Amino acid sequence: MHSHLSWLEACTIGLLQGVTELFPVSSLGHSVLIPAIVGGSWARDLNVSTPESPYLAFIVGLHVATAIALIIYFWRDWLRIVGGLVTSIAHRRISTDDERLAWLLVIATIPVGIAGLLLEHALRTVLAKPSPTAVFLMINGLILFASERWKRRAAGSTAEQPAELAGSREAAGEGGVLVKQPSDVELDAPLARLPLPRALLIGASQCLALAPGISRSGIAMATGLSRGLSHPSAARFSFLLATPVILAAGVLKIPDLLGPLGDGIRPQVLVASLLSGLGAYVSVRFLSRYFENRSLRPFAWYCLVGGAVSLVLVNR
């Protein structure tokens, strides 16, 4: 089998995947809709729903680069978390924040891992068509809007209050004195105190992202907000959860790209992976700061409007 993927197509989708994987707007949704809207050879070459699609293997394979970018950005955190898992197993205990957070991430990843192995290929080839994807993108926008509403309702009772963030901002505004921002260890403390059922629910919500147009990071953040997390904590937890999931998804596709599906496109895959990794690193750096004091509403509007416009364009 000889696959077709031009350099322009590969570079565009590579950069797009890296950026949109972490933004709450669905990377797969964009990978389905953009080629359909452009049309021509793009619609033919970049069709996820084609059986044994080299394009599907290509975009999922890009996840390896995205995961590497996340590991690089959060390398200090992953050293602590992996260290916590090792000490927990070695000493048969769960006593520190790092040990507890490590196990919460492991357990919260299990549902989407199982669902991905059993359902990913079937759902993506059946649902990854332009019209359903545009509808799912609008649904994603509604979910983001709803999460902000749930967050306001939960604020008076179950919300995790980011006291360390609030204190730092207030102090910085008094007499212009700058106060050191809380460390990653302090930011992870509220996450480590999450009840197990709540962490498991946030992790399981990622299963909905098997439908193209539903964002993995968006649905995890929305669920976290509805369960009382602040925006910075919900974003951080979603990024930490995403790392093992998207790394595993990408690694599973590497054999496909090394086989017949990758014939003729491996150089494009390498360049696209580099762009994907760079896009992901810039995105997580931006979003980690963005969610310190901003909401999901701009992304919700983007999904609603973008989904509606896409639905019209792909059905012309």
C-alpha atoms as a PDB file:
ATOM      1  CA  MET A   1       0.000   0.000   0.000  1.00  0.00           C
ATOM      2  CA  HIS A   2       1.318   3.455  -0.886  1.00  0.00           C
ATOM      3  CA  SER A   3      -0.012   6.259   1.308  1.00  0.00           C
ATOM      4  CA  HIS A   4      -0.447   9.847   0.165  1.00  0.00           C
ATOM      5  CA  LEU A   5       0.297  12.766   2.455  1.00  0.00           C
ATOM      6  CA  SER A   6       1.752  15.991   1.084  1.00  0.00           C
ATOM      7  CA  TRP A   7       4.255  18.051   3.043  1.00  0.00           C
ATOM      8  CA  LEU A   8       1.751  20.896   3.392  1.00  0.00           C
ATOM      9  CA  GLU A   9      -0.920  18.531   4.688  1.00  0.00           C
ATOM     10  CA  ALA A  10       1.474  16.859   7.123  1.00  0.00           C
ATOM     11  CA  CYS A  11       2.915  20.096   8.503  1.00  0.00           C
ATOM     12  CA  THR A  12      -0.483  21.754   8.856  1.00  0.00           C
ATOM     13  CA  ILE A  13      -2.091  18.809  10.654  1.00  0.00           C
ATOM     14  CA  GLY A  14       1.021  18.217  12.773  1.00  0.00           C
ATOM     15  CA  LEU A  15       1.039  21.756  14.118  1.00  0.00           C
ATOM     16  CA  LEU A  16      -2.751  21.801  14.440  1.00  0.00           C
ATOM     17  CA  GLN A  17      -2.793  18.551  16.406  1.00  0.00           C
ATOM     18  CA  GLY A  18      -0.119  19.695  18.826  1.00  0.00           C
ATOM     19  CA  VAL A  19      -1.896  22.965  19.578  1.00  0.00           C
ATOM     20  CA  THR A  20      -5.483  21.719  19.745  1.00  0.00           C
ATOM     21  CA  GLU A  21      -4.725  18.554  21.738  1.00  0.00           C
ATOM     22  CA  LEU A  22      -4.372  20.619  24.919  1.00  0.00           C
ATOM     23  CA  PHE A  23      -6.777  23.448  24.125  1.00  0.00           C
ATOM     24  CA  PRO A  24     -10.310  22.376  25.096  1.00  0.00           C
ATOM     25  CA  VAL A  25     -11.484  22.364  21.471  1.00  0.00           C
ATOM     26  CA  SER A  26     -10.819  18.763  20.260  1.00  0.00           C
ATOM     27  CA  SER A  27      -7.748  17.998  18.181  1.00  0.00           C
ATOM     28  CA  LEU A  28      -9.436  15.087  16.399  1.00  0.00           C
ATOM     29  CA  GLY A  29     -12.433  17.270  15.616  1.00  0.00           C
ATOM     30  CA  HIS A  30     -10.183  19.775  13.865  1.00  0.00           C
ATOM     31  CA  SER A  31      -8.309  16.979  12.074  1.00  0.00           C
ATOM     32  CA  VAL A  32     -11.626  15.777  10.640  1.00  0.00           C
ATOM     33  CA  LEU A  33     -13.248  19.130   9.861  1.00  0.00           C
ATOM     34  CA  ILE A  34     -10.345  21.100   8.335  1.00  0.00           C
ATOM     35  CA  PRO A  35      -9.694  18.611   5.479  1.00  0.00           C
ATOM     36  CA  ALA A  36     -13.436  18.317   4.800  1.00  0.00           C
ATOM     37  CA  ILE A  37     -13.806  22.094   4.582  1.00  0.00           C
ATOM     38  CA  VAL A  38     -10.721  22.541   2.370  1.00  0.00           C
ATOM     39  CA  GLY A  39     -11.902  19.708   0.125  1.00  0.00           C
ATOM     40  CA  GLY A  40     -10.090  18.329  -2.912  1.00  0.00           C
ATOM     41  CA  SER A  41      -7.025  16.214  -2.221  1.00  0.00           C
ATOM     42  CA  TRP A  42      -7.213  17.144   1.475  1.00  0.00           C
ATOM     43  CA  ALA A  43     -10.613  15.504   1.832  1.00  0.00           C
ATOM     44  CA  ARG A  44      -9.334  12.455  -0.022  1.00  0.00           C
ATOM     45  CA  ASP A  45      -5.934  12.074   1.667  1.00  0.00           C
ATOM     46  CA  LEU A  46      -6.979  13.106   5.182  1.00  0.00           C
ATOM     47  CA  ASN A  47     -10.000  10.895   5.782  1.00  0.00           C
ATOM     48  CA  VAL A  48     -10.069   9.323   9.249  1.00  0.00           C
ATOM     49  CA  SER A  49     -13.130   7.172   8.567  1.00  0.00           C
ATOM     50  CA  THR A  50     -11.480   5.224   5.728  1.00  0.00           C
ATOM     51  CA  PRO A  51     -10.874   1.610   6.805  1.00  0.00           C
ATOM     52  CA  GLU A  52      -7.207   1.096   7.795  1.00  0.00           C
ATOM     53  CA  SER A  53      -6.704   4.822   7.269  1.00  0.00           C
ATOM     54  CA  PRO A  54      -3.037   5.875   7.189  1.00  0.00           C
ATOM     55  CA  TYR A  55      -4.284   9.331   8.213  1.00  0.00           C
ATOM     56  CA  LEU A  56      -5.734   7.951  11.463  1.00  0.00           C
ATOM     57  CA  ALA A  57      -2.439   6.222  12.228  1.00  0.00           C
ATOM     58  CA  PHE A  58      -0.645   9.463  11.365  1.00  0.00           C
ATOM     59  CA  ILE A  59      -2.607  11.800  13.654  1.00  0.00           C
ATOM     60  CA  VAL A  60      -2.667   9.346  16.558  1.00  0.00           C
ATOM     61  CA  GLY A  61       1.035   8.678  16.055  1.00  0.00           C
ATOM     62  CA  LEU A  62       1.634  12.412  16.521  1.00  0.00           C
ATOM     63  CA  HIS A  63       0.459  11.934  20.116  1.00  0.00           C
ATOM     64  CA  VAL A  64       3.909  10.596  21.002  1.00  0.00           C
ATOM     65  CA  ALA A  65       5.420  14.011  20.264  1.00  0.00           C
ATOM     66  CA  THR A  66       2.639  15.751  22.180  1.00  0.00           C
ATOM     67  CA  ALA A  67       3.206  13.517  25.201  1.00  0.00           C
ATOM     68  CA  ILE A  68       6.964  14.112  25.075  1.00  0.00           C
ATOM     69  CA  ALA A  69       6.297  17.868  25.105  1.00  0.00           C
ATOM     70  CA  LEU A  70       4.105  17.453  28.190  1.00  0.00           C
ATOM     71  CA  ILE A  71       6.749  15.348  29.917  1.00  0.00           C
ATOM     72  CA  ILE A  72       9.380  17.991  29.181  1.00  0.00           C
ATOM     73  CA  TYR A  73       7.177  20.793  30.503  1.00  0.00           C
ATOM     74  CA  PHE A  74       6.158  18.892  33.646  1.00  0.00           C
ATOM     75  CA  TRP A  75       9.425  16.962  34.105  1.00  0.00           C
ATOM     76  CA  ARG A  76       9.920  18.075  37.707  1.00  0.00           C
ATOM     77  CA  ASP A  77       6.354  17.092  38.540  1.00  0.00           C
ATOM     78  CA  TRP A  78       6.686  13.685  36.898  1.00  0.00           C
ATOM     79  CA  LEU A  79       9.904  13.022  38.792  1.00  0.00           C
ATOM     80  CA  ARG A  80       8.042  13.672  42.044  1.00  0.00           C
ATOM     81  CA  ILE A  81       4.974  11.694  40.984  1.00  0.00           C
ATOM     82  CA  VAL A  82       6.895   8.676  39.705  1.00  0.00           C
ATOM     83  CA  GLY A  83       9.079   8.861  42.809  1.00  0.00           C
ATOM     84  CA  GLY A  84       5.949   8.886  44.938  1.00  0.00           C
ATOM     85  CA  LEU A  85       4.644   5.795  43.150  1.00  0.00           C
ATOM     86  CA  VAL A  86       7.948   3.977  43.663  1.00  0.00           C
ATOM     87  CA  THR A  87       8.170   4.806  47.371  1.00  0.00           C
ATOM     88  CA  SER A  88       4.514   3.909  47.844  1.00  0.00           C
ATOM     89  CA  ILE A  89       5.054   0.457  46.347  1.00  0.00           C
ATOM     90  CA  ALA A  90       8.375  -0.052  48.101  1.00  0.00           C
ATOM     91  CA  HIS A  91       7.065   0.892  51.546  1.00  0.00           C
ATOM     92  CA  ARG A  92       3.478  -0.313  50.973  1.00  0.00           C
ATOM     93  CA  ARG A  93       1.980   2.970  52.046  1.00  0.00           C
ATOM     94  CA  ILE A  94       0.116   6.002  50.707  1.00  0.00           C
ATOM     95  CA  SER A  95       1.050   8.759  53.104  1.00  0.00           C
ATOM     96  CA  THR A  96       2.545  11.712  51.200  1.00  0.00           C
ATOM     97  CA  ASP A  97       0.875  14.032  48.666  1.00  0.00           C
ATOM     98  CA  ASP A  98       3.130  12.715  45.888  1.00  0.00           C
ATOM     99  CA  GLU A  99       2.228   9.100  46.686  1.00  0.00           C
ATOM    100  CA  ARG A 100      -1.470   9.844  46.791  1.00  0.00           C
ATOM    101  CA  LEU A 101      -1.418  11.924  43.582  1.00  0.00           C
ATOM    102  CA  ALA A 102       0.503   9.171  41.785  1.00  0.00           C
ATOM    103  CA  TRP A 103      -2.139   6.563  42.621  1.00  0.00           C
ATOM    104  CA  LEU A 104      -4.993   8.945  41.783  1.00  0.00           C
ATOM    105  CA  LEU A 105      -3.491   9.449  38.313  1.00  0.00           C
ATOM    106  CA  VAL A 106      -2.991   5.699  37.838  1.00  0.00           C
ATOM    107  CA  ILE A 107      -6.541   4.814  38.861  1.00  0.00           C
ATOM    108  CA  ALA A 108      -8.138   7.742  36.994  1.00  0.00           C
ATOM    109  CA  THR A 109      -6.398   6.642  33.779  1.00  0.00           C
ATOM    110  CA  ILE A 110      -7.743   3.082  33.845  1.00  0.00           C
ATOM    111  CA  PRO A 111     -11.281   3.752  32.454  1.00  0.00           C
ATOM    112  CA  VAL A 112     -10.149   5.690  29.379  1.00  0.00           C
ATOM    113  CA  GLY A 113      -7.333   3.186  28.826  1.00  0.00           C
ATOM    114  CA  ILE A 114      -9.781   0.285  28.678  1.00  0.00           C
ATOM    115  CA  ALA A 115     -12.303   2.213  26.596  1.00  0.00           C
ATOM    116  CA  GLY A 116      -9.595   3.285  24.169  1.00  0.00           C
ATOM    117  CA  LEU A 117      -8.371  -0.257  23.604  1.00  0.00           C
ATOM    118  CA  LEU A 118     -11.885  -1.627  23.094  1.00  0.00           C
ATOM    119  CA  LEU A 119     -13.701   1.190  21.310  1.00  0.00           C
ATOM    120  CA  GLU A 120     -11.306   3.754  19.863  1.00  0.00           C
ATOM    121  CA  HIS A 121     -10.944   2.327  16.361  1.00  0.00           C
ATOM    122  CA  ALA A 122     -14.648   1.525  15.957  1.00  0.00           C
ATOM    123  CA  LEU A 123     -15.871   4.888  17.275  1.00  0.00           C
ATOM    124  CA  ARG A 124     -13.396   6.963  15.321  1.00  0.00           C
ATOM    125  CA  THR A 125     -14.036   5.238  12.006  1.00  0.00           C
ATOM    126  CA  VAL A 126     -17.831   5.314  12.474  1.00  0.00           C
ATOM    127  CA  LEU A 127     -18.227   8.784  14.015  1.00  0.00           C
ATOM    128  CA  ALA A 128     -15.258  10.603  12.473  1.00  0.00           C
ATOM    129  CA  LYS A 129     -17.270  12.064   9.622  1.00  0.00           C
ATOM    130  CA  PRO A 130     -17.623  15.822   9.128  1.00  0.00           C
ATOM    131  CA  SER A 131     -21.289  16.316  10.059  1.00  0.00           C
ATOM    132  CA  PRO A 132     -21.313  14.271  13.307  1.00  0.00           C
ATOM    133  CA  THR A 133     -17.973  15.837  14.260  1.00  0.00           C
ATOM    134  CA  ALA A 134     -19.351  19.360  13.827  1.00  0.00           C
ATOM    135  CA  VAL A 135     -22.327  18.457  16.029  1.00  0.00           C
ATOM    136  CA  PHE A 136     -20.053  16.970  18.695  1.00  0.00           C
ATOM    137  CA  LEU A 137     -17.935  20.131  18.607  1.00  0.00           C
ATOM    138  CA  MET A 138     -21.042  22.189  19.408  1.00  0.00           C
ATOM    139  CA  ILE A 139     -21.915  19.763  22.193  1.00  0.00           C
ATOM    140  CA  ASN A 140     -18.385  20.250  23.528  1.00  0.00           C
ATOM    141  CA  GLY A 141     -19.052  23.988  23.652  1.00  0.00           C
ATOM    142  CA  LEU A 142     -22.267  23.446  25.614  1.00  0.00           C
ATOM    143  CA  ILE A 143     -20.417  21.224  28.087  1.00  0.00           C
ATOM    144  CA  LEU A 144     -17.800  23.934  28.645  1.00  0.00           C
ATOM    145  CA  PHE A 145     -20.515  26.527  29.245  1.00  0.00           C
ATOM    146  CA  ALA A 146     -22.317  24.185  31.651  1.00  0.00           C
ATOM    147  CA  SER A 147     -19.120  23.518  33.598  1.00  0.00           C
ATOM    148  CA  GLU A 148     -18.703  27.223  34.320  1.00  0.00           C
ATOM    149  CA  ARG A 149     -22.265  27.347  35.592  1.00  0.00           C
ATOM    150  CA  TRP A 150     -21.694  24.259  37.772  1.00  0.00           C
ATOM    151  CA  LYS A 151     -18.516  25.860  39.073  1.00  0.00           C
ATOM    152  CA  ARG A 152     -20.401  28.916  40.301  1.00  0.00           C
ATOM    153  CA  ARG A 153     -23.014  26.749  41.988  1.00  0.00           C
ATOM    154  CA  ALA A 154     -20.377  24.607  43.688  1.00  0.00           C
ATOM    155  CA  ALA A 155     -18.314  27.566  44.862  1.00  0.00           C
ATOM    156  CA  GLY A 156     -20.202  27.974  48.114  1.00  0.00           C
ATOM    157  CA  SER A 157     -20.024  24.353  49.206  1.00  0.00           C
ATOM    158  CA  THR A 158     -17.672  21.803  47.673  1.00  0.00           C
ATOM    159  CA  ALA A 159     -15.248  24.016  45.788  1.00  0.00           C
ATOM    160  CA  GLU A 160     -11.584  23.600  46.417  1.00  0.00           C
ATOM    161  CA  GLN A 161     -10.461  27.096  47.268  1.00  0.00           C
ATOM    162  CA  PRO A 162      -7.033  27.965  45.861  1.00  0.00           C
ATOM    163  CA  ALA A 163      -6.067  29.933  48.948  1.00  0.00           C
ATOM    164  CA  GLU A 164      -2.426  29.977  48.035  1.00  0.00           C
ATOM    165  CA  LEU A 165      -3.220  31.608  44.690  1.00  0.00           C
ATOM    166  CA  ALA A 166      -5.652  34.104  46.129  1.00  0.00           C
ATOM    167  CA  GLY A 167      -3.225  35.076  48.849  1.00  0.00           C
ATOM    168  CA  SER A 168      -0.420  35.618  46.380  1.00  0.00           C
ATOM    169  CA  ARG A 169      -2.482  37.841  44.110  1.00  0.00           C
ATOM    170  CA  GLU A 170      -3.823  39.957  46.979  1.00  0.00           C
ATOM    171  CA  ALA A 171      -0.366  40.421  48.447  1.00  0.00           C
ATOM    172  CA  ALA A 172       1.026  41.386  45.065  1.00  0.00           C
ATOM    173  CA  GLY A 173      -1.535  44.157  44.847  1.00  0.00           C
ATOM    174  CA  GLU A 174      -0.738  45.715  48.187  1.00  0.00           C
ATOM    175  CA  GLY A 175       1.775  48.530  47.761  1.00  0.00           C
ATOM    176  CA  GLY A 176       3.040  46.954  44.563  1.00  0.00           C
ATOM    177  CA  VAL A 177       4.963  44.327  46.518  1.00  0.00           C
ATOM    178  CA  LEU A 178       5.602  41.222  44.455  1.00  0.00           C
ATOM    179  CA  VAL A 179       5.030  37.922  46.199  1.00  0.00           C
ATOM    180  CA  LYS A 180       6.471  34.646  45.005  1.00  0.00           C
ATOM    181  CA  GLN A 181       3.916  32.467  43.264  1.00  0.00           C
ATOM    182  CA  PRO A 182       3.136  29.083  44.854  1.00  0.00           C
ATOM    183  CA  SER A 183       5.311  26.183  43.810  1.00  0.00           C
ATOM    184  CA  ASP A 184       4.104  23.193  41.817  1.00  0.00           C
ATOM    185  CA  VAL A 185       4.216  21.171  45.035  1.00  0.00           C
ATOM    186  CA  GLU A 186       1.742  23.591  46.620  1.00  0.00           C
ATOM    187  CA  LEU A 187      -0.460  23.499  43.536  1.00  0.00           C
ATOM    188  CA  ASP A 188      -0.544  19.693  43.623  1.00  0.00           C
ATOM    189  CA  ALA A 189      -1.582  19.515  47.293  1.00  0.00           C
ATOM    190  CA  PRO A 190      -5.319  20.142  46.551  1.00  0.00           C
ATOM    191  CA  LEU A 191      -5.197  17.512  43.794  1.00  0.00           C
ATOM    192  CA  ALA A 192      -3.633  14.962  46.137  1.00  0.00           C
ATOM    193  CA  ARG A 193      -6.543  15.513  48.534  1.00  0.00           C
ATOM    194  CA  LEU A 194      -9.166  14.714  45.894  1.00  0.00           C
ATOM    195  CA  PRO A 195     -11.482  11.887  47.000  1.00  0.00           C
ATOM    196  CA  LEU A 196     -10.849   8.781  44.905  1.00  0.00           C
ATOM    197  CA  PRO A 197     -14.394   8.652  43.397  1.00  0.00           C
ATOM    198  CA  ARG A 198     -14.049  12.272  42.279  1.00  0.00           C
ATOM    199  CA  ALA A 199     -10.658  11.678  40.627  1.00  0.00           C
ATOM    200  CA  LEU A 200     -11.999   8.508  38.993  1.00  0.00           C
ATOM    201  CA  LEU A 201     -14.983  10.426  37.607  1.00  0.00           C
ATOM    202  CA  ILE A 202     -12.709  13.088  36.109  1.00  0.00           C
ATOM    203  CA  GLY A 203     -10.549  10.402  34.535  1.00  0.00           C
ATOM    204  CA  ALA A 204     -13.522   8.415  33.221  1.00  0.00           C
ATOM    205  CA  SER A 205     -15.003  11.529  31.613  1.00  0.00           C
ATOM    206  CA  GLN A 206     -12.163  11.391  29.080  1.00  0.00           C
ATOM    207  CA  CYS A 207     -13.904   8.396  27.503  1.00  0.00           C
ATOM    208  CA  LEU A 208     -16.357  10.850  25.924  1.00  0.00           C
ATOM    209  CA  ALA A 209     -13.455  12.284  23.916  1.00  0.00           C
ATOM    210  CA  LEU A 210     -13.429   9.114  21.800  1.00  0.00           C
ATOM    211  CA  ALA A 211     -16.171  10.944  19.887  1.00  0.00           C
ATOM    212  CA  PRO A 212     -14.491  13.375  17.447  1.00  0.00           C
ATOM    213  CA  GLY A 213     -15.354  16.921  18.457  1.00  0.00           C
ATOM    214  CA  ILE A 214     -15.326  16.238  22.195  1.00  0.00           C
ATOM    215  CA  SER A 215     -12.114  17.532  23.746  1.00  0.00           C
ATOM    216  CA  ARG A 216     -10.212  15.281  26.170  1.00  0.00           C
ATOM    217  CA  SER A 217      -8.728  18.190  28.093  1.00  0.00           C
ATOM    218  CA  GLY A 218     -11.996  20.118  27.888  1.00  0.00           C
ATOM    219  CA  ILE A 219     -14.170  17.326  29.261  1.00  0.00           C
ATOM    220  CA  ALA A 220     -11.676  16.575  32.049  1.00  0.00           C
ATOM    221  CA  MET A 221     -11.511  20.250  33.004  1.00  0.00           C
ATOM    222  CA  ALA A 222     -15.288  20.599  32.862  1.00  0.00           C
ATOM    223  CA  THR A 223     -15.763  17.587  35.120  1.00  0.00           C
ATOM    224  CA  GLY A 224     -13.098  18.880  37.509  1.00  0.00           C
ATOM    225  CA  LEU A 225     -14.792  22.271  37.740  1.00  0.00           C
ATOM    226  CA  SER A 226     -18.166  20.655  38.366  1.00  0.00           C
ATOM    227  CA  ARG A 227     -16.596  18.592  41.159  1.00  0.00           C
ATOM    228  CA  GLY A 228     -15.187  21.654  42.905  1.00  0.00           C
ATOM    229  CA  LEU A 229     -11.706  22.189  41.474  1.00  0.00           C
ATOM    230  CA  SER A 230     -10.456  25.681  40.673  1.00  0.00           C
ATOM    231  CA  HIS A 231      -9.540  26.529  37.074  1.00  0.00           C
ATOM    232  CA  PRO A 232      -5.752  26.192  37.665  1.00  0.00           C
ATOM    233  CA  SER A 233      -6.175  22.857  39.473  1.00  0.00           C
ATOM    234  CA  ALA A 234      -8.641  21.484  36.901  1.00  0.00           C
ATOM    235  CA  ALA A 235      -6.295  22.435  34.047  1.00  0.00           C
ATOM    236  CA  ARG A 236      -3.260  20.966  35.785  1.00  0.00           C
ATOM    237  CA  PHE A 237      -5.035  17.699  36.587  1.00  0.00           C
ATOM    238  CA  SER A 238      -6.285  17.383  32.996  1.00  0.00           C
ATOM    239  CA  PHE A 239      -2.756  17.918  31.612  1.00  0.00           C
ATOM    240  CA  LEU A 240      -1.250  15.368  34.004  1.00  0.00           C
ATOM    241  CA  LEU A 241      -4.008  12.875  33.149  1.00  0.00           C
ATOM    242  CA  ALA A 242      -3.519  13.461  29.433  1.00  0.00           C
ATOM    243  CA  THR A 243       0.170  12.575  29.406  1.00  0.00           C
ATOM    244  CA  PRO A 244      -0.006   8.780  29.913  1.00  0.00           C
ATOM    245  CA  VAL A 245      -3.197   8.509  27.832  1.00  0.00           C
ATOM    246  CA  ILE A 246      -1.936  10.261  24.720  1.00  0.00           C
ATOM    247  CA  LEU A 247       1.517   8.677  25.044  1.00  0.00           C
ATOM    248  CA  ALA A 248      -0.029   5.199  25.117  1.00  0.00           C
ATOM    249  CA  ALA A 249      -2.319   6.012  22.176  1.00  0.00           C
ATOM    250  CA  GLY A 250       0.621   7.227  20.123  1.00  0.00           C
ATOM    251  CA  VAL A 251       2.897   4.324  20.989  1.00  0.00           C
ATOM    252  CA  LEU A 252       0.186   1.846  19.955  1.00  0.00           C
ATOM    253  CA  LYS A 253       0.073   3.445  16.478  1.00  0.00           C
ATOM    254  CA  ILE A 254       3.828   3.417  15.895  1.00  0.00           C
ATOM    255  CA  PRO A 255       3.800  -0.217  14.595  1.00  0.00           C
ATOM    256  CA  ASP A 256       1.170   0.814  12.014  1.00  0.00           C
ATOM    257  CA  LEU A 257       3.364   3.671  10.801  1.00  0.00           C
ATOM    258  CA  LEU A 258       6.361   1.328  10.604  1.00  0.00           C
ATOM    259  CA  GLY A 259       4.313  -1.101   8.509  1.00  0.00           C
ATOM    260  CA  PRO A 260       2.510  -0.739   5.168  1.00  0.00           C
ATOM    261  CA  LEU A 261       0.364   2.176   6.374  1.00  0.00           C
ATOM    262  CA  GLY A 262       3.497   4.265   6.776  1.00  0.00           C
ATOM    263  CA  ASP A 263       4.923   3.589   3.328  1.00  0.00           C
ATOM    264  CA  GLY A 264       5.715   6.850   1.561  1.00  0.00           C
ATOM    265  CA  ILE A 265       4.877   9.162   4.467  1.00  0.00           C
ATOM    266  CA  ARG A 266       7.499   8.479   7.154  1.00  0.00           C
ATOM    267  CA  PRO A 267       9.556  11.639   6.453  1.00  0.00           C
ATOM    268  CA  GLN A 268       6.353  13.689   6.674  1.00  0.00           C
ATOM    269  CA  VAL A 269       5.474  11.955   9.941  1.00  0.00           C
ATOM    270  CA  LEU A 270       8.828  12.917  11.488  1.00  0.00           C
ATOM    271  CA  VAL A 271       8.543  16.595  10.536  1.00  0.00           C
ATOM    272  CA  ALA A 272       4.883  16.738  11.566  1.00  0.00           C
ATOM    273  CA  SER A 273       5.778  15.155  14.914  1.00  0.00           C
ATOM    274  CA  LEU A 274       8.381  17.847  15.546  1.00  0.00           C
ATOM    275  CA  LEU A 275       5.806  20.559  14.809  1.00  0.00           C
ATOM    276  CA  SER A 276       3.243  18.765  16.968  1.00  0.00           C
ATOM    277  CA  GLY A 277       5.635  18.630  19.899  1.00  0.00           C
ATOM    278  CA  LEU A 278       6.555  22.303  19.575  1.00  0.00           C
ATOM    279  CA  GLY A 279       2.886  23.282  19.303  1.00  0.00           C
ATOM    280  CA  ALA A 280       1.992  21.236  22.369  1.00  0.00           C
ATOM    281  CA  TYR A 281       4.793  22.739  24.463  1.00  0.00           C
ATOM    282  CA  VAL A 282       3.799  26.311  23.599  1.00  0.00           C
ATOM    283  CA  SER A 283       0.144  25.459  24.244  1.00  0.00           C
ATOM    284  CA  VAL A 284       0.607  23.927  27.691  1.00  0.00           C
ATOM    285  CA  ARG A 285       2.878  26.809  28.695  1.00  0.00           C
ATOM    286  CA  PHE A 286       0.244  29.331  27.609  1.00  0.00           C
ATOM    287  CA  LEU A 287      -2.755  27.483  29.043  1.00  0.00           C
ATOM    288  CA  SER A 288      -1.137  26.864  32.437  1.00  0.00           C
ATOM    289  CA  ARG A 289      -0.882  30.637  32.828  1.00  0.00           C
ATOM    290  CA  TYR A 290      -4.176  31.436  31.107  1.00  0.00           C
ATOM    291  CA  PHE A 291      -6.264  29.388  33.530  1.00  0.00           C
ATOM    292  CA  GLU A 292      -4.770  31.092  36.570  1.00  0.00           C
ATOM    293  CA  ASN A 293      -7.469  33.767  36.246  1.00  0.00           C
ATOM    294  CA  ARG A 294      -9.599  33.015  33.177  1.00  0.00           C
ATOM    295  CA  SER A 295     -12.472  30.698  32.295  1.00  0.00           C
ATOM    296  CA  LEU A 296     -13.503  28.213  29.597  1.00  0.00           C
ATOM    297  CA  ARG A 297     -16.118  30.527  28.085  1.00  0.00           C
ATOM    298  CA  PRO A 298     -14.041  31.799  25.127  1.00  0.00           C
ATOM    299  CA  PHE A 299     -13.379  28.206  24.094  1.00  0.00           C
ATOM    300  CA  ALA A 300     -17.052  27.349  24.562  1.00  0.00           C
ATOM    301  CA  TRP A 301     -18.047  30.138  22.163  1.00  0.00           C
ATOM    302  CA  TYR A 302     -15.375  29.005  19.705  1.00  0.00           C
ATOM    303  CA  CYS A 303     -16.738  25.443  19.713  1.00  0.00           C
ATOM    304  CA  LEU A 304     -20.358  26.533  19.301  1.00  0.00           C
ATOM    305  CA  VAL A 305     -19.693  28.975  16.482  1.00  0.00           C
ATOM    306  CA  GLY A 306     -16.997  26.852  14.838  1.00  0.00           C
ATOM    307  CA  GLY A 307     -19.164  23.742  14.971  1.00  0.00           C
ATOM    308  CA  ALA A 308     -22.170  25.537  13.489  1.00  0.00           C
ATOM    309  CA  VAL A 309     -20.144  27.120  10.671  1.00  0.00           C
ATOM    310  CA  SER A 310     -18.432  23.808   9.940  1.00  0.00           C
ATOM    311  CA  LEU A 311     -21.777  22.029   9.775  1.00  0.00           C
ATOM    312  CA  VAL A 312     -22.939  24.465   7.137  1.00  0.00           C
ATOM    313  CA  LEU A 313     -19.717  24.328   5.129  1.00  0.00           C
ATOM    314  CA  VAL A 314     -19.413  20.537   5.013  1.00  0.00           C
ATOM    315  CA  ASN A 315     -23.026  20.197   3.843  1.00  0.00           C
ATOM    316  CA  ARG A 316     -22.868  22.737   1.024  1.00  0.00           C
END
